[in-house]
């Protein structure tokens, strides 16, 4: 029962700086939120991935949503952020 009352650890796990000085922090995401996004069948796999990434990052210390992530960064930056936030290794695609 104690596990149900525990607050999620939302501390910064790792940080990346983009060339323009923008700081990206990866924080924890509550399992329930992750599962709600992952199980939303209305979204494509790519949309789910971007939503999960947006839910677990801070940009210059502020939370972002899906639209902020797509509108505020170039395609290359979004790809870099997604890879960083989700520990994607380019060599093996994991």
C-alpha atoms as a PDB file:
ATOM      1  CA  UNK A   1       0.000   0.000   0.000  1.00  0.00           C
ATOM      2  CA  UNK A   2       2.940   2.308   0.666  1.00  0.00           C
ATOM      3  CA  UNK A   3       3.931   2.168  -3.015  1.00  0.00           C
ATOM      4  CA  UNK A   4       0.592   3.710  -3.992  1.00  0.00           C
ATOM      5  CA  UNK A   5       1.267   6.761  -1.817  1.00  0.00           C
ATOM      6  CA  UNK A   6       4.844   7.288  -3.001  1.00  0.00           C
ATOM      7  CA  UNK A   7       5.495  10.358  -5.150  1.00  0.00           C
ATOM      8  CA  UNK A   8       7.344   9.789  -8.452  1.00  0.00           C
ATOM      9  CA  UNK A   9      10.982  10.863  -8.655  1.00  0.00           C
ATOM     10  CA  UNK A  10      10.906  13.841 -11.027  1.00  0.00           C
ATOM     11  CA  UNK A  11      14.558  14.806 -10.558  1.00  0.00           C
ATOM     12  CA  UNK A  12      16.786  15.515 -13.550  1.00  0.00           C
ATOM     13  CA  UNK A  13      18.390  12.316 -14.826  1.00  0.00           C
ATOM     14  CA  UNK A  14      20.643  13.805 -17.529  1.00  0.00           C
ATOM     15  CA  UNK A  15      21.186  17.067 -19.390  1.00  0.00           C
ATOM     16  CA  UNK A  16      22.084  18.045 -22.943  1.00  0.00           C
ATOM     17  CA  UNK A  17      22.805  21.478 -24.402  1.00  0.00           C
ATOM     18  CA  UNK A  18      21.901  22.264 -28.002  1.00  0.00           C
ATOM     19  CA  UNK A  19      24.304  24.433 -30.053  1.00  0.00           C
ATOM     20  CA  UNK A  20      22.096  27.516 -29.552  1.00  0.00           C
ATOM     21  CA  UNK A  21      22.378  27.179 -25.751  1.00  0.00           C
ATOM     22  CA  UNK A  22      19.002  25.543 -25.158  1.00  0.00           C
ATOM     23  CA  UNK A  23      19.199  23.115 -22.216  1.00  0.00           C
ATOM     24  CA  UNK A  24      17.301  19.817 -22.416  1.00  0.00           C
ATOM     25  CA  UNK A  25      16.812  17.930 -19.124  1.00  0.00           C
ATOM     26  CA  UNK A  26      15.433  14.407 -18.976  1.00  0.00           C
ATOM     27  CA  UNK A  27      13.249  13.805 -15.911  1.00  0.00           C
ATOM     28  CA  UNK A  28      11.211  10.884 -14.679  1.00  0.00           C
ATOM     29  CA  UNK A  29       7.727  10.210 -15.988  1.00  0.00           C
ATOM     30  CA  UNK A  30       5.064   8.555 -13.833  1.00  0.00           C
ATOM     31  CA  UNK A  31       4.266   5.028 -15.029  1.00  0.00           C
ATOM     32  CA  UNK A  32       0.548   5.791 -15.251  1.00  0.00           C
ATOM     33  CA  UNK A  33       1.189   8.743 -17.546  1.00  0.00           C
ATOM     34  CA  UNK A  34       3.557   6.664 -19.677  1.00  0.00           C
ATOM     35  CA  UNK A  35       1.015   3.862 -19.986  1.00  0.00           C
ATOM     36  CA  UNK A  36      -1.815   6.274 -20.833  1.00  0.00           C
ATOM     37  CA  UNK A  37       0.215   7.686 -23.713  1.00  0.00           C
ATOM     38  CA  UNK A  38       1.543   4.301 -24.847  1.00  0.00           C
ATOM     39  CA  UNK A  39      -1.939   2.754 -24.907  1.00  0.00           C
ATOM     40  CA  UNK A  40      -3.631   5.596 -26.823  1.00  0.00           C
ATOM     41  CA  UNK A  41      -4.619   3.848 -30.053  1.00  0.00           C
ATOM     42  CA  UNK A  42      -5.710   7.130 -31.685  1.00  0.00           C
ATOM     43  CA  UNK A  43      -2.059   8.104 -32.172  1.00  0.00           C
ATOM     44  CA  UNK A  44       0.510   6.671 -34.532  1.00  0.00           C
ATOM     45  CA  UNK A  45       3.700   5.141 -33.120  1.00  0.00           C
ATOM     46  CA  UNK A  46       5.613   8.303 -34.050  1.00  0.00           C
ATOM     47  CA  UNK A  47       3.082  10.539 -32.279  1.00  0.00           C
ATOM     48  CA  UNK A  48       3.204   8.355 -29.161  1.00  0.00           C
ATOM     49  CA  UNK A  49       6.998   8.555 -29.161  1.00  0.00           C
ATOM     50  CA  UNK A  50       6.979  12.352 -29.434  1.00  0.00           C
ATOM     51  CA  UNK A  51       4.304  12.648 -26.698  1.00  0.00           C
ATOM     52  CA  UNK A  52       6.335  10.413 -24.361  1.00  0.00           C
ATOM     53  CA  UNK A  53       9.498  12.384 -25.096  1.00  0.00           C
ATOM     54  CA  UNK A  54       7.730  15.708 -24.461  1.00  0.00           C
ATOM     55  CA  UNK A  55       6.346  14.352 -21.179  1.00  0.00           C
ATOM     56  CA  UNK A  56       9.764  13.447 -19.848  1.00  0.00           C
ATOM     57  CA  UNK A  57      11.862  16.479 -20.815  1.00  0.00           C
ATOM     58  CA  UNK A  58      12.270  20.037 -19.612  1.00  0.00           C
ATOM     59  CA  UNK A  59      13.413  22.745 -22.018  1.00  0.00           C
ATOM     60  CA  UNK A  60      15.381  25.413 -20.165  1.00  0.00           C
ATOM     61  CA  UNK A  61      13.682  24.186 -16.985  1.00  0.00           C
ATOM     62  CA  UNK A  62      10.109  24.354 -18.321  1.00  0.00           C
ATOM     63  CA  UNK A  63       7.780  21.529 -19.274  1.00  0.00           C
ATOM     64  CA  UNK A  64       6.746  21.178 -22.909  1.00  0.00           C
ATOM     65  CA  UNK A  65       3.960  19.489 -24.817  1.00  0.00           C
ATOM     66  CA  UNK A  66       3.865  17.744 -28.198  1.00  0.00           C
ATOM     67  CA  UNK A  67       3.168  20.932 -30.199  1.00  0.00           C
ATOM     68  CA  UNK A  68       5.938  22.876 -28.414  1.00  0.00           C
ATOM     69  CA  UNK A  69       8.428  20.171 -29.275  1.00  0.00           C
ATOM     70  CA  UNK A  70       7.482  20.057 -32.949  1.00  0.00           C
ATOM     71  CA  UNK A  71       7.031  23.809 -33.443  1.00  0.00           C
ATOM     72  CA  UNK A  72       9.971  25.025 -31.369  1.00  0.00           C
ATOM     73  CA  UNK A  73      12.731  22.906 -32.874  1.00  0.00           C
ATOM     74  CA  UNK A  74      14.013  21.892 -36.296  1.00  0.00           C
ATOM     75  CA  UNK A  75      13.490  18.313 -37.485  1.00  0.00           C
ATOM     76  CA  UNK A  76      17.150  17.566 -36.780  1.00  0.00           C
ATOM     77  CA  UNK A  77      16.897  18.964 -33.245  1.00  0.00           C
ATOM     78  CA  UNK A  78      13.716  16.963 -32.549  1.00  0.00           C
ATOM     79  CA  UNK A  79      15.453  13.802 -33.745  1.00  0.00           C
ATOM     80  CA  UNK A  80      18.476  14.566 -31.549  1.00  0.00           C
ATOM     81  CA  UNK A  81      16.253  15.278 -28.521  1.00  0.00           C
ATOM     82  CA  UNK A  82      14.220  12.083 -29.036  1.00  0.00           C
ATOM     83  CA  UNK A  83      17.386   9.982 -29.325  1.00  0.00           C
ATOM     84  CA  UNK A  84      18.905  11.612 -26.232  1.00  0.00           C
ATOM     85  CA  UNK A  85      15.753  11.390 -24.095  1.00  0.00           C
ATOM     86  CA  UNK A  86      15.052   7.786 -25.038  1.00  0.00           C
ATOM     87  CA  UNK A  87      18.640   6.464 -25.020  1.00  0.00           C
ATOM     88  CA  UNK A  88      18.515   5.544 -28.706  1.00  0.00           C
ATOM     89  CA  UNK A  89      21.776   4.169 -30.021  1.00  0.00           C
ATOM     90  CA  UNK A  90      22.138   5.025 -33.712  1.00  0.00           C
ATOM     91  CA  UNK A  91      24.220   1.914 -34.444  1.00  0.00           C
ATOM     92  CA  UNK A  92      21.594  -0.624 -33.476  1.00  0.00           C
ATOM     93  CA  UNK A  93      18.425   1.493 -33.372  1.00  0.00           C
ATOM     94  CA  UNK A  94      17.643   0.583 -29.785  1.00  0.00           C
END
